[in-house]
Amino acid sequence: SHLALSNQDLCLQERPMDMALINAKGFGGNNASALVLSPEVTQQMLEKRHGKAACSAHAKALENTLATSLAHEQACQRGEFRITYQFGEQVLEGHELELNAEALSLPGYAQAVDLMLANPFEDMV
């Protein structure tokens, strides 16, 4: 009853959403799904987890990052950039990985990625 399928942009200013699901469909059905949270919900979750002071400090630090990003963008628009493209360097092939239900091991890393994690967002639902 709440499904909206559209191949056009949707204006949501009149009816904002807290979250949306994005699905990638293939010939065999659903290939992938992703939950996208609104900036407001995300900010609420961050403040709940880390506190308002930490979020304010992050916002202050972000100002420098955004200024650097803007300067980089403006330089690129003036044609002032240096491209470094290293095709195929430091690429892992599937046979180099070790994957099972508990962990993912990557060559060059001493510790495996632990896949047996508790949901870190239990307090958010």
PDB file of N, CA and C in Angstrom:
ATOM      1  N   SER A   1       0.813  -1.213   0.000  1.00  0.00           N
ATOM      2  CA  SER A   1       0.000   0.000   0.000  1.00  0.00           C
ATOM      3  C   SER A   1       0.846   1.264   0.000  1.00  0.00           C
ATOM      4  N   HIS A   2       2.121   1.167   0.400  1.00  0.00           N
ATOM      5  CA  HIS A   2       2.972   2.353   0.453  1.00  0.00           C
ATOM      6  C   HIS A   2       4.076   2.309  -0.600  1.00  0.00           C
ATOM      7  N   LEU A   3       3.935   1.466  -1.602  1.00  0.00           N
ATOM      8  CA  LEU A   3       4.940   1.326  -2.640  1.00  0.00           C
ATOM      9  C   LEU A   3       4.749   2.401  -3.698  1.00  0.00           C
ATOM     10  N   ALA A   4       5.835   3.079  -4.047  1.00  0.00           N
ATOM     11  CA  ALA A   4       5.782   4.099  -5.101  1.00  0.00           C
ATOM     12  C   ALA A   4       6.892   3.800  -6.096  1.00  0.00           C
ATOM     13  N   LEU A   5       6.518   3.412  -7.300  1.00  0.00           N
ATOM     14  CA  LEU A   5       7.480   3.146  -8.352  1.00  0.00           C
ATOM     15  C   LEU A   5       7.406   4.280  -9.356  1.00  0.00           C
ATOM     16  N   SER A   6       8.561   4.861  -9.661  1.00  0.00           N
ATOM     17  CA  SER A   6       8.582   5.977 -10.592  1.00  0.00           C
ATOM     18  C   SER A   6       9.886   5.972 -11.363  1.00  0.00           C
ATOM     19  N   ASN A   7       9.804   6.371 -12.629  1.00  0.00           N
ATOM     20  CA  ASN A   7      11.027   6.539 -13.398  1.00  0.00           C
ATOM     21  C   ASN A   7      11.331   8.028 -13.594  1.00  0.00           C
ATOM     22  N   GLN A   8      10.678   8.861 -12.793  1.00  0.00           N
ATOM     23  CA  GLN A   8      10.872  10.305 -12.815  1.00  0.00           C
ATOM     24  C   GLN A   8      11.321  10.768 -11.422  1.00  0.00           C
ATOM     25  N   ASP A   9      12.015  11.906 -11.369  1.00  0.00           N
ATOM     26  CA  ASP A   9      12.374  12.483 -10.074  1.00  0.00           C
ATOM     27  C   ASP A   9      11.110  12.813  -9.298  1.00  0.00           C
ATOM     28  N   LEU A  10      11.155  12.596  -7.996  1.00  0.00           N
ATOM     29  CA  LEU A  10      10.022  12.905  -7.134  1.00  0.00           C
ATOM     30  C   LEU A  10      10.364  14.102  -6.263  1.00  0.00           C
ATOM     31  N   CYS A  11       9.486  15.098  -6.219  1.00  0.00           N
ATOM     32  CA  CYS A  11       9.666  16.239  -5.326  1.00  0.00           C
ATOM     33  C   CYS A  11       9.067  15.863  -3.978  1.00  0.00           C
ATOM     34  N   LEU A  12       9.888  15.861  -2.950  1.00  0.00           N
ATOM     35  CA  LEU A  12       9.431  15.422  -1.634  1.00  0.00           C
ATOM     36  C   LEU A  12       9.384  16.560  -0.622  1.00  0.00           C
ATOM     37  N   GLN A  13       9.408  17.799  -1.094  1.00  0.00           N
ATOM     38  CA  GLN A  13       9.358  18.929  -0.165  1.00  0.00           C
ATOM     39  C   GLN A  13       8.026  18.977   0.575  1.00  0.00           C
ATOM     40  N   GLU A  14       6.964  18.644  -0.088  1.00  0.00           N
ATOM     41  CA  GLU A  14       5.640  18.657   0.554  1.00  0.00           C
ATOM     42  C   GLU A  14       5.437  17.459   1.469  1.00  0.00           C
ATOM     43  N   ARG A  15       6.120  16.360   1.159  1.00  0.00           N
ATOM     44  CA  ARG A  15       5.936  15.113   1.898  1.00  0.00           C
ATOM     45  C   ARG A  15       7.291  14.447   2.126  1.00  0.00           C
ATOM     46  N   PRO A  16       8.119  15.019   3.031  1.00  0.00           N
ATOM     47  CA  PRO A  16       9.461  14.453   3.238  1.00  0.00           C
ATOM     48  C   PRO A  16       9.402  13.042   3.817  1.00  0.00           C
ATOM     49  N   MET A  17      10.420  12.262   3.527  1.00  0.00           N
ATOM     50  CA  MET A  17      10.498  10.885   4.013  1.00  0.00           C
ATOM     51  C   MET A  17      11.674  10.754   4.975  1.00  0.00           C
ATOM     52  N   ASP A  18      11.506   9.925   5.982  1.00  0.00           N
ATOM     53  CA  ASP A  18      12.588   9.642   6.915  1.00  0.00           C
ATOM     54  C   ASP A  18      13.557   8.621   6.347  1.00  0.00           C
ATOM     55  N   MET A  19      13.041   7.727   5.514  1.00  0.00           N
ATOM     56  CA  MET A  19      13.879   6.675   4.955  1.00  0.00           C
ATOM     57  C   MET A  19      13.268   6.153   3.670  1.00  0.00           C
ATOM     58  N   ALA A  20      14.106   5.497   2.884  1.00  0.00           N
ATOM     59  CA  ALA A  20      13.649   4.884   1.637  1.00  0.00           C
ATOM     60  C   ALA A  20      14.485   3.640   1.381  1.00  0.00           C
ATOM     61  N   LEU A  21      13.896   2.688   0.699  1.00  0.00           N
ATOM     62  CA  LEU A  21      14.611   1.497   0.252  1.00  0.00           C
ATOM     63  C   LEU A  21      14.872   1.630  -1.236  1.00  0.00           C
ATOM     64  N   ILE A  22      16.092   1.319  -1.634  1.00  0.00           N
ATOM     65  CA  ILE A  22      16.457   1.308  -3.040  1.00  0.00           C
ATOM     66  C   ILE A  22      16.718  -0.150  -3.405  1.00  0.00           C
ATOM     67  N   ASN A  23      16.110  -0.602  -4.469  1.00  0.00           N
ATOM     68  CA  ASN A  23      16.285  -1.979  -4.911  1.00  0.00           C
ATOM     69  C   ASN A  23      16.893  -2.008  -6.303  1.00  0.00           C
ATOM     70  N   ALA A  24      17.808  -2.932  -6.506  1.00  0.00           N
ATOM     71  CA  ALA A  24      18.373  -3.179  -7.827  1.00  0.00           C
ATOM     72  C   ALA A  24      17.766  -4.493  -8.310  1.00  0.00           C
ATOM     73  N   LYS A  25      17.042  -4.424  -9.381  1.00  0.00           N
ATOM     74  CA  LYS A  25      16.375  -5.612  -9.906  1.00  0.00           C
ATOM     75  C   LYS A  25      17.171  -6.195 -11.059  1.00  0.00           C
ATOM     76  N   GLY A  26      17.177  -7.503 -11.165  1.00  0.00           N
ATOM     77  CA  GLY A  26      17.837  -8.193 -12.265  1.00  0.00           C
ATOM     78  C   GLY A  26      16.885  -9.208 -12.853  1.00  0.00           C
ATOM     79  N   PHE A  27      17.380 -10.006 -13.751  1.00  0.00           N
ATOM     80  CA  PHE A  27      16.528 -10.999 -14.409  1.00  0.00           C
ATOM     81  C   PHE A  27      16.056 -12.064 -13.437  1.00  0.00           C
ATOM     82  N   GLY A  28      16.839 -12.300 -12.380  1.00  0.00           N
ATOM     83  CA  GLY A  28      16.461 -13.317 -11.412  1.00  0.00           C
ATOM     84  C   GLY A  28      15.711 -12.767 -10.215  1.00  0.00           C
ATOM     85  N   GLY A  29      15.376 -11.484 -10.222  1.00  0.00           N
ATOM     86  CA  GLY A  29      14.664 -10.891  -9.093  1.00  0.00           C
ATOM     87  C   GLY A  29      15.470  -9.767  -8.472  1.00  0.00           C
ATOM     88  N   ASN A  30      15.403  -9.679  -7.149  1.00  0.00           N
ATOM     89  CA  ASN A  30      16.078  -8.608  -6.429  1.00  0.00           C
ATOM     90  C   ASN A  30      17.564  -8.936  -6.270  1.00  0.00           C
ATOM     91  N   ASN A  31      18.428  -8.073  -6.802  1.00  0.00           N
ATOM     92  CA  ASN A  31      19.868  -8.297  -6.687  1.00  0.00           C
ATOM     93  C   ASN A  31      20.452  -7.666  -5.440  1.00  0.00           C
ATOM     94  N   ALA A  32      19.901  -6.529  -5.019  1.00  0.00           N
ATOM     95  CA  ALA A  32      20.431  -5.840  -3.851  1.00  0.00           C
ATOM     96  C   ALA A  32      19.406  -4.836  -3.355  1.00  0.00           C
ATOM     97  N   SER A  33      19.449  -4.558  -2.076  1.00  0.00           N
ATOM     98  CA  SER A  33      18.606  -3.531  -1.477  1.00  0.00           C
ATOM     99  C   SER A  33      19.455  -2.684  -0.552  1.00  0.00           C
ATOM    100  N   ALA A  34      19.107  -1.409  -0.451  1.00  0.00           N
ATOM    101  CA  ALA A  34      19.835  -0.509   0.447  1.00  0.00           C
ATOM    102  C   ALA A  34      18.834   0.415   1.134  1.00  0.00           C
ATOM    103  N   LEU A  35      19.036   0.625   2.401  1.00  0.00           N
ATOM    104  CA  LEU A  35      18.239   1.574   3.161  1.00  0.00           C
ATOM    105  C   LEU A  35      18.948   2.919   3.140  1.00  0.00           C
ATOM    106  N   VAL A  36      18.235   3.970   2.768  1.00  0.00           N
ATOM    107  CA  VAL A  36      18.779   5.325   2.762  1.00  0.00           C
ATOM    108  C   VAL A  36      18.003   6.136   3.787  1.00  0.00           C
ATOM    109  N   LEU A  37      18.730   6.689   4.761  1.00  0.00           N
ATOM    110  CA  LEU A  37      18.115   7.486   5.817  1.00  0.00           C
ATOM    111  C   LEU A  37      18.207   8.964   5.475  1.00  0.00           C
ATOM    112  N   SER A  38      17.219   9.727   5.889  1.00  0.00           N
ATOM    113  CA  SER A  38      17.246  11.171   5.657  1.00  0.00           C
ATOM    114  C   SER A  38      18.370  11.798   6.473  1.00  0.00           C
ATOM    115  N   PRO A  39      18.831  12.977   6.060  1.00  0.00           N
ATOM    116  CA  PRO A  39      19.853  13.673   6.850  1.00  0.00           C
ATOM    117  C   PRO A  39      19.383  13.931   8.287  1.00  0.00           C
ATOM    118  N   GLU A  40      18.109  14.220   8.469  1.00  0.00           N
ATOM    119  CA  GLU A  40      17.585  14.497   9.813  1.00  0.00           C
ATOM    120  C   GLU A  40      17.650  13.257  10.704  1.00  0.00           C
ATOM    121  N   VAL A  41      17.234  12.119  10.170  1.00  0.00           N
ATOM    122  CA  VAL A  41      17.278  10.878  10.952  1.00  0.00           C
ATOM    123  C   VAL A  41      18.725  10.503  11.251  1.00  0.00           C
ATOM    124  N   THR A  42      19.587  10.655  10.261  1.00  0.00           N
ATOM    125  CA  THR A  42      21.004  10.347  10.453  1.00  0.00           C
ATOM    126  C   THR A  42      21.608  11.231  11.543  1.00  0.00           C
ATOM    127  N   GLN A  43      21.290  12.515  11.514  1.00  0.00           N
ATOM    128  CA  GLN A  43      21.815  13.440  12.527  1.00  0.00           C
ATOM    129  C   GLN A  43      21.302  13.059  13.918  1.00  0.00           C
ATOM    130  N   GLN A  44      20.035  12.689  14.022  1.00  0.00           N
ATOM    131  CA  GLN A  44      19.481  12.265  15.309  1.00  0.00           C
ATOM    132  C   GLN A  44      20.214  11.034  15.839  1.00  0.00           C
ATOM    133  N   MET A  45      20.505  10.081  14.946  1.00  0.00           N
ATOM    134  CA  MET A  45      21.205   8.867  15.356  1.00  0.00           C
ATOM    135  C   MET A  45      22.626   9.190  15.813  1.00  0.00           C
ATOM    136  N   LEU A  46      23.303  10.064  15.085  1.00  0.00           N
ATOM    137  CA  LEU A  46      24.664  10.442  15.457  1.00  0.00           C
ATOM    138  C   LEU A  46      24.691  11.156  16.804  1.00  0.00           C
ATOM    139  N   GLU A  47      23.732  12.053  17.022  1.00  0.00           N
ATOM    140  CA  GLU A  47      23.680  12.768  18.303  1.00  0.00           C
ATOM    141  C   GLU A  47      23.345  11.824  19.449  1.00  0.00           C
ATOM    142  N   LYS A  48      22.475  10.857  19.186  1.00  0.00           N
ATOM    143  CA  LYS A  48      22.134   9.888  20.226  1.00  0.00           C
ATOM    144  C   LYS A  48      23.346   9.036  20.585  1.00  0.00           C
ATOM    145  N   ARG A  49      24.110   8.648  19.582  1.00  0.00           N
ATOM    146  CA  ARG A  49      25.269   7.785  19.806  1.00  0.00           C
ATOM    147  C   ARG A  49      26.464   8.544  20.371  1.00  0.00           C
ATOM    148  N   HIS A  50      26.753   9.747  19.830  1.00  0.00           N
ATOM    149  CA  HIS A  50      27.996  10.437  20.170  1.00  0.00           C
ATOM    150  C   HIS A  50      27.814  11.721  20.971  1.00  0.00           C
ATOM    151  N   GLY A  51      26.598  12.234  21.063  1.00  0.00           N
ATOM    152  CA  GLY A  51      26.333  13.454  21.817  1.00  0.00           C
ATOM    153  C   GLY A  51      26.414  14.701  20.951  1.00  0.00           C
ATOM    154  N   LYS A  52      25.729  15.747  21.408  1.00  0.00           N
ATOM    155  CA  LYS A  52      25.678  17.005  20.654  1.00  0.00           C
ATOM    156  C   LYS A  52      27.040  17.674  20.555  1.00  0.00           C
ATOM    157  N   ALA A  53      27.843  17.583  21.617  1.00  0.00           N
ATOM    158  CA  ALA A  53      29.160  18.233  21.607  1.00  0.00           C
ATOM    159  C   ALA A  53      30.054  17.631  20.525  1.00  0.00           C
ATOM    160  N   ALA A  54      30.058  16.313  20.419  1.00  0.00           N
ATOM    161  CA  ALA A  54      30.877  15.651  19.393  1.00  0.00           C
ATOM    162  C   ALA A  54      30.380  16.011  18.001  1.00  0.00           C
ATOM    163  N   CYS A  55      29.072  16.085  17.824  1.00  0.00           N
ATOM    164  CA  CYS A  55      28.514  16.448  16.513  1.00  0.00           C
ATOM    165  C   CYS A  55      28.836  17.892  16.161  1.00  0.00           C
ATOM    166  N   SER A  56      28.826  18.771  17.139  1.00  0.00           N
ATOM    167  CA  SER A  56      29.201  20.172  16.898  1.00  0.00           C
ATOM    168  C   SER A  56      30.674  20.279  16.523  1.00  0.00           C
ATOM    169  N   ALA A  57      31.527  19.519  17.196  1.00  0.00           N
ATOM    170  CA  ALA A  57      32.958  19.517  16.880  1.00  0.00           C
ATOM    171  C   ALA A  57      33.188  18.989  15.469  1.00  0.00           C
ATOM    172  N   HIS A  58      32.444  17.966  15.090  1.00  0.00           N
ATOM    173  CA  HIS A  58      32.566  17.419  13.737  1.00  0.00           C
ATOM    174  C   HIS A  58      32.120  18.452  12.707  1.00  0.00           C
ATOM    175  N   ALA A  59      31.024  19.141  12.971  1.00  0.00           N
ATOM    176  CA  ALA A  59      30.533  20.163  12.040  1.00  0.00           C
ATOM    177  C   ALA A  59      31.573  21.265  11.858  1.00  0.00           C
ATOM    178  N   LYS A  60      32.243  21.635  12.928  1.00  0.00           N
ATOM    179  CA  LYS A  60      33.287  22.664  12.853  1.00  0.00           C
ATOM    180  C   LYS A  60      34.463  22.171  12.013  1.00  0.00           C
ATOM    181  N   ALA A  61      34.891  20.930  12.234  1.00  0.00           N
ATOM    182  CA  ALA A  61      35.993  20.361  11.452  1.00  0.00           C
ATOM    183  C   ALA A  61      35.597  20.204   9.988  1.00  0.00           C
ATOM    184  N   LEU A  62      34.340  19.916   9.738  1.00  0.00           N
ATOM    185  CA  LEU A  62      33.852  19.739   8.375  1.00  0.00           C
ATOM    186  C   LEU A  62      33.955  21.023   7.565  1.00  0.00           C
ATOM    187  N   GLU A  63      33.882  22.168   8.219  1.00  0.00           N
ATOM    188  CA  GLU A  63      33.998  23.447   7.512  1.00  0.00           C
ATOM    189  C   GLU A  63      35.321  23.521   6.752  1.00  0.00           C
ATOM    190  N   ASN A  64      36.424  23.088   7.372  1.00  0.00           N
ATOM    191  CA  ASN A  64      37.731  23.093   6.713  1.00  0.00           C
ATOM    192  C   ASN A  64      37.749  22.120   5.535  1.00  0.00           C
ATOM    193  N   THR A  65      37.163  20.956   5.717  1.00  0.00           N
ATOM    194  CA  THR A  65      37.122  19.963   4.640  1.00  0.00           C
ATOM    195  C   THR A  65      36.342  20.502   3.445  1.00  0.00           C
ATOM    196  N   LEU A  66      35.203  21.143   3.711  1.00  0.00           N
ATOM    197  CA  LEU A  66      34.386  21.688   2.627  1.00  0.00           C
ATOM    198  C   LEU A  66      35.100  22.828   1.915  1.00  0.00           C
ATOM    199  N   ALA A  67      35.832  23.648   2.656  1.00  0.00           N
ATOM    200  CA  ALA A  67      36.594  24.739   2.039  1.00  0.00           C
ATOM    201  C   ALA A  67      37.696  24.178   1.133  1.00  0.00           C
ATOM    202  N   THR A  68      38.384  23.145   1.587  1.00  0.00           N
ATOM    203  CA  THR A  68      39.426  22.503   0.782  1.00  0.00           C
ATOM    204  C   THR A  68      38.820  21.869  -0.465  1.00  0.00           C
ATOM    205  N   SER A  69      37.685  21.227  -0.306  1.00  0.00           N
ATOM    206  CA  SER A  69      37.001  20.602  -1.434  1.00  0.00           C
ATOM    207  C   SER A  69      36.571  21.641  -2.468  1.00  0.00           C
ATOM    208  N   LEU A  70      36.054  22.754  -2.005  1.00  0.00           N
ATOM    209  CA  LEU A  70      35.631  23.823  -2.906  1.00  0.00           C
ATOM    210  C   LEU A  70      36.830  24.392  -3.663  1.00  0.00           C
ATOM    211  N   ALA A  71      37.943  24.603  -2.971  1.00  0.00           N
ATOM    212  CA  ALA A  71      39.149  25.116  -3.628  1.00  0.00           C
ATOM    213  C   ALA A  71      39.639  24.141  -4.693  1.00  0.00           C
ATOM    214  N   HIS A  72      39.580  22.851  -4.406  1.00  0.00           N
ATOM    215  CA  HIS A  72      39.977  21.824  -5.365  1.00  0.00           C
ATOM    216  C   HIS A  72      39.055  21.844  -6.585  1.00  0.00           C
ATOM    217  N   GLU A  73      37.753  21.927  -6.337  1.00  0.00           N
ATOM    218  CA  GLU A  73      36.788  21.964  -7.436  1.00  0.00           C
ATOM    219  C   GLU A  73      37.025  23.189  -8.327  1.00  0.00           C
ATOM    220  N   GLN A  74      37.244  24.327  -7.711  1.00  0.00           N
ATOM    221  CA  GLN A  74      37.479  25.549  -8.488  1.00  0.00           C
ATOM    222  C   GLN A  74      38.761  25.444  -9.306  1.00  0.00           C
ATOM    223  N   ALA A  75      39.810  24.849  -8.748  1.00  0.00           N
ATOM    224  CA  ALA A  75      41.055  24.655  -9.487  1.00  0.00           C
ATOM    225  C   ALA A  75      40.825  23.732 -10.684  1.00  0.00           C
ATOM    226  N   CYS A  76      40.061  22.668 -10.478  1.00  0.00           N
ATOM    227  CA  CYS A  76      39.759  21.744 -11.575  1.00  0.00           C
ATOM    228  C   CYS A  76      38.966  22.444 -12.675  1.00  0.00           C
ATOM    229  N   GLN A  77      38.024  23.287 -12.295  1.00  0.00           N
ATOM    230  CA  GLN A  77      37.230  24.007 -13.290  1.00  0.00           C
ATOM    231  C   GLN A  77      38.086  24.981 -14.091  1.00  0.00           C
ATOM    232  N   ARG A  78      39.189  25.428 -13.519  1.00  0.00           N
ATOM    233  CA  ARG A  78      40.119  26.295 -14.242  1.00  0.00           C
ATOM    234  C   ARG A  78      41.121  25.480 -15.060  1.00  0.00           C
ATOM    235  N   GLY A  79      41.006  24.154 -14.999  1.00  0.00           N
ATOM    236  CA  GLY A  79      41.932  23.290 -15.731  1.00  0.00           C
ATOM    237  C   GLY A  79      43.222  23.026 -15.000  1.00  0.00           C
ATOM    238  N   GLU A  80      43.256  23.303 -13.721  1.00  0.00           N
ATOM    239  CA  GLU A  80      44.462  23.112 -12.905  1.00  0.00           C
ATOM    240  C   GLU A  80      44.332  21.826 -12.085  1.00  0.00           C
ATOM    241  N   PHE A  81      44.676  20.720 -12.709  1.00  0.00           N
ATOM    242  CA  PHE A  81      44.618  19.454 -11.992  1.00  0.00           C
ATOM    243  C   PHE A  81      45.669  18.510 -12.552  1.00  0.00           C
ATOM    244  N   ARG A  82      46.018  17.528 -11.727  1.00  0.00           N
ATOM    245  CA  ARG A  82      46.986  16.514 -12.111  1.00  0.00           C
ATOM    246  C   ARG A  82      46.340  15.165 -11.850  1.00  0.00           C
ATOM    247  N   ILE A  83      46.154  14.410 -12.905  1.00  0.00           N
ATOM    248  CA  ILE A  83      45.471  13.123 -12.789  1.00  0.00           C
ATOM    249  C   ILE A  83      46.496  12.026 -12.527  1.00  0.00           C
ATOM    250  N   THR A  84      46.232  11.217 -11.527  1.00  0.00           N
ATOM    251  CA  THR A  84      47.039  10.041 -11.243  1.00  0.00           C
ATOM    252  C   THR A  84      46.120   8.838 -11.332  1.00  0.00           C
ATOM    253  N   TYR A  85      46.317   8.039 -12.350  1.00  0.00           N
ATOM    254  CA  TYR A  85      45.482   6.858 -12.544  1.00  0.00           C
ATOM    255  C   TYR A  85      46.394   5.648 -12.626  1.00  0.00           C
ATOM    256  N   GLN A  86      46.257   4.750 -11.679  1.00  0.00           N
ATOM    257  CA  GLN A  86      47.138   3.592 -11.600  1.00  0.00           C
ATOM    258  C   GLN A  86      46.320   2.323 -11.806  1.00  0.00           C
ATOM    259  N   PHE A  87      45.955   2.091 -13.052  1.00  0.00           N
ATOM    260  CA  PHE A  87      45.092   0.974 -13.391  1.00  0.00           C
ATOM    261  C   PHE A  87      45.723  -0.355 -12.990  1.00  0.00           C
ATOM    262  N   GLY A  88      44.951  -1.139 -12.269  1.00  0.00           N
ATOM    263  CA  GLY A  88      45.365  -2.488 -11.927  1.00  0.00           C
ATOM    264  C   GLY A  88      46.357  -2.604 -10.786  1.00  0.00           C
ATOM    265  N   GLU A  89      46.798  -1.494 -10.219  1.00  0.00           N
ATOM    266  CA  GLU A  89      47.747  -1.564  -9.111  1.00  0.00           C
ATOM    267  C   GLU A  89      47.014  -1.787  -7.799  1.00  0.00           C
ATOM    268  N   GLN A  90      47.572  -2.628  -6.955  1.00  0.00           N
ATOM    269  CA  GLN A  90      47.026  -2.932  -5.637  1.00  0.00           C
ATOM    270  C   GLN A  90      45.588  -3.443  -5.700  1.00  0.00           C
ATOM    271  N   VAL A  91      45.307  -4.273  -6.680  1.00  0.00           N
ATOM    272  CA  VAL A  91      43.979  -4.860  -6.844  1.00  0.00           C
ATOM    273  C   VAL A  91      44.029  -6.293  -6.330  1.00  0.00           C
ATOM    274  N   LEU A  92      43.091  -6.645  -5.492  1.00  0.00           N
ATOM    275  CA  LEU A  92      42.999  -8.016  -4.997  1.00  0.00           C
ATOM    276  C   LEU A  92      42.105  -8.830  -5.920  1.00  0.00           C
ATOM    277  N   GLU A  93      42.517 -10.037  -6.194  1.00  0.00           N
ATOM    278  CA  GLU A  93      41.716 -10.960  -6.985  1.00  0.00           C
ATOM    279  C   GLU A  93      40.944 -11.869  -6.026  1.00  0.00           C
ATOM    280  N   GLY A  94      39.833 -12.383  -6.480  1.00  0.00           N
ATOM    281  CA  GLY A  94      38.976 -13.201  -5.632  1.00  0.00           C
ATOM    282  C   GLY A  94      39.679 -14.378  -4.999  1.00  0.00           C
ATOM    283  N   HIS A  95      40.563 -15.029  -5.748  1.00  0.00           N
ATOM    284  CA  HIS A  95      41.241 -16.209  -5.198  1.00  0.00           C
ATOM    285  C   HIS A  95      42.217 -15.856  -4.072  1.00  0.00           C
ATOM    286  N   GLU A  96      42.549 -14.577  -3.915  1.00  0.00           N
ATOM    287  CA  GLU A  96      43.463 -14.151  -2.849  1.00  0.00           C
ATOM    288  C   GLU A  96      42.739 -13.960  -1.516  1.00  0.00           C
ATOM    289  N   LEU A  97      41.432 -13.918  -1.541  1.00  0.00           N
ATOM    290  CA  LEU A  97      40.641 -13.681  -0.339  1.00  0.00           C
ATOM    291  C   LEU A  97      40.237 -14.996   0.296  1.00  0.00           C
ATOM    292  N   GLU A  98      40.129 -14.977   1.615  1.00  0.00           N
ATOM    293  CA  GLU A  98      39.603 -16.128   2.343  1.00  0.00           C
ATOM    294  C   GLU A  98      38.343 -15.671   3.052  1.00  0.00           C
ATOM    295  N   LEU A  99      37.218 -16.278   2.700  1.00  0.00           N
ATOM    296  CA  LEU A  99      35.930 -15.871   3.247  1.00  0.00           C
ATOM    297  C   LEU A  99      35.186 -17.084   3.769  1.00  0.00           C
ATOM    298  N   ASN A 100      34.680 -16.957   5.005  1.00  0.00           N
ATOM    299  CA  ASN A 100      33.775 -17.959   5.552  1.00  0.00           C
ATOM    300  C   ASN A 100      32.729 -17.230   6.379  1.00  0.00           C
ATOM    301  N   ALA A 101      31.894 -17.946   7.073  1.00  0.00           N
ATOM    302  CA  ALA A 101      30.787 -17.327   7.811  1.00  0.00           C
ATOM    303  C   ALA A 101      31.266 -16.462   8.975  1.00  0.00           C
ATOM    304  N   GLU A 102      32.495 -16.678   9.451  1.00  0.00           N
ATOM    305  CA  GLU A 102      32.984 -15.938  10.611  1.00  0.00           C
ATOM    306  C   GLU A 102      33.901 -14.768  10.272  1.00  0.00           C
ATOM    307  N   ALA A 103      34.640 -14.862   9.157  1.00  0.00           N
ATOM    308  CA  ALA A 103      35.661 -13.841   8.913  1.00  0.00           C
ATOM    309  C   ALA A 103      36.021 -13.723   7.438  1.00  0.00           C
ATOM    310  N   LEU A 104      36.608 -12.580   7.111  1.00  0.00           N
ATOM    311  CA  LEU A 104      37.167 -12.309   5.788  1.00  0.00           C
ATOM    312  C   LEU A 104      38.641 -11.978   5.990  1.00  0.00           C
ATOM    313  N   SER A 105      39.520 -12.745   5.358  1.00  0.00           N
ATOM    314  CA  SER A 105      40.961 -12.513   5.472  1.00  0.00           C
ATOM    315  C   SER A 105      41.473 -11.897   4.179  1.00  0.00           C
ATOM    316  N   LEU A 106      42.274 -10.832   4.331  1.00  0.00           N
ATOM    317  CA  LEU A 106      42.835 -10.119   3.187  1.00  0.00           C
ATOM    318  C   LEU A 106      44.347 -10.238   3.220  1.00  0.00           C
ATOM    319  N   PRO A 107      44.981 -10.510   2.084  1.00  0.00           N
ATOM    320  CA  PRO A 107      46.441 -10.578   2.067  1.00  0.00           C
ATOM    321  C   PRO A 107      47.046  -9.237   2.464  1.00  0.00           C
ATOM    322  N   GLY A 108      48.100  -9.304   3.273  1.00  0.00           N
ATOM    323  CA  GLY A 108      48.764  -8.086   3.706  1.00  0.00           C
ATOM    324  C   GLY A 108      48.237  -7.515   5.005  1.00  0.00           C
ATOM    325  N   TYR A 109      47.166  -8.084   5.533  1.00  0.00           N
ATOM    326  CA  TYR A 109      46.590  -7.620   6.792  1.00  0.00           C
ATOM    327  C   TYR A 109      46.661  -8.737   7.810  1.00  0.00           C
ATOM    328  N   ALA A 110      47.232  -8.450   8.971  1.00  0.00           N
ATOM    329  CA  ALA A 110      47.432  -9.471  10.003  1.00  0.00           C
ATOM    330  C   ALA A 110      46.110  -9.965  10.573  1.00  0.00           C
ATOM    331  N   GLN A 111      45.151  -9.058  10.748  1.00  0.00           N
ATOM    332  CA  GLN A 111      43.881  -9.435  11.351  1.00  0.00           C
ATOM    333  C   GLN A 111      42.811  -9.615  10.280  1.00  0.00           C
ATOM    334  N   ALA A 112      42.000 -10.621  10.470  1.00  0.00           N
ATOM    335  CA  ALA A 112      40.861 -10.837   9.584  1.00  0.00           C
ATOM    336  C   ALA A 112      39.735  -9.878   9.972  1.00  0.00           C
ATOM    337  N   VAL A 113      38.846  -9.650   9.054  1.00  0.00           N
ATOM    338  CA  VAL A 113      37.661  -8.845   9.334  1.00  0.00           C
ATOM    339  C   VAL A 113      36.642  -9.762   9.981  1.00  0.00           C
ATOM    340  N   ASP A 114      36.282  -9.470  11.218  1.00  0.00           N
ATOM    341  CA  ASP A 114      35.329 -10.278  11.975  1.00  0.00           C
ATOM    342  C   ASP A 114      33.925 -10.027  11.443  1.00  0.00           C
ATOM    343  N   LEU A 115      33.262 -11.075  10.994  1.00  0.00           N
ATOM    344  CA  LEU A 115      31.900 -10.955  10.476  1.00  0.00           C
ATOM    345  C   LEU A 115      30.848 -11.325  11.507  1.00  0.00           C
ATOM    346  N   MET A 116      31.284 -11.757  12.688  1.00  0.00           N
ATOM    347  CA  MET A 116      30.353 -12.172  13.742  1.00  0.00           C
ATOM    348  C   MET A 116      30.147 -11.013  14.714  1.00  0.00           C
ATOM    349  N   LEU A 117      29.517  -9.969  14.235  1.00  0.00           N
ATOM    350  CA  LEU A 117      29.343  -8.761  15.035  1.00  0.00           C
ATOM    351  C   LEU A 117      27.909  -8.627  15.532  1.00  0.00           C
ATOM    352  N   ALA A 118      27.782  -8.073  16.702  1.00  0.00           N
ATOM    353  CA  ALA A 118      26.464  -7.716  17.213  1.00  0.00           C
ATOM    354  C   ALA A 118      26.006  -6.457  16.472  1.00  0.00           C
ATOM    355  N   ASN A 119      24.724  -6.277  16.354  1.00  0.00           N
ATOM    356  CA  ASN A 119      24.172  -5.092  15.700  1.00  0.00           C
ATOM    357  C   ASN A 119      24.540  -3.859  16.528  1.00  0.00           C
ATOM    358  N   PRO A 120      25.352  -2.944  15.969  1.00  0.00           N
ATOM    359  CA  PRO A 120      25.749  -1.763  16.732  1.00  0.00           C
ATOM    360  C   PRO A 120      24.657  -0.707  16.830  1.00  0.00           C
ATOM    361  N   PHE A 121      23.530  -0.979  16.195  1.00  0.00           N
ATOM    362  CA  PHE A 121      22.439   0.003  16.187  1.00  0.00           C
ATOM    363  C   PHE A 121      21.216  -0.484  16.955  1.00  0.00           C
ATOM    364  N   GLU A 122      21.400  -1.433  17.858  1.00  0.00           N
ATOM    365  CA  GLU A 122      20.280  -1.947  18.643  1.00  0.00           C
ATOM    366  C   GLU A 122      19.560  -0.821  19.383  1.00  0.00           C
ATOM    367  N   ASP A 123      20.317   0.183  19.844  1.00  0.00           N
ATOM    368  CA  ASP A 123      19.713   1.277  20.593  1.00  0.00           C
ATOM    369  C   ASP A 123      18.993   2.282  19.697  1.00  0.00           C
ATOM    370  N   MET A 124      19.083   2.098  18.380  1.00  0.00           N
ATOM    371  CA  MET A 124      18.470   3.040  17.459  1.00  0.00           C
ATOM    372  C   MET A 124      17.086   2.596  16.983  1.00  0.00           C
ATOM    373  N   VAL A 125      16.744   1.351  17.246  1.00  0.00           N
ATOM    374  CA  VAL A 125      15.453   0.841  16.775  1.00  0.00           C
ATOM    375  C   VAL A 125      14.496   0.596  17.912  1.00  0.00           C
TER     376      VAL A 125
END
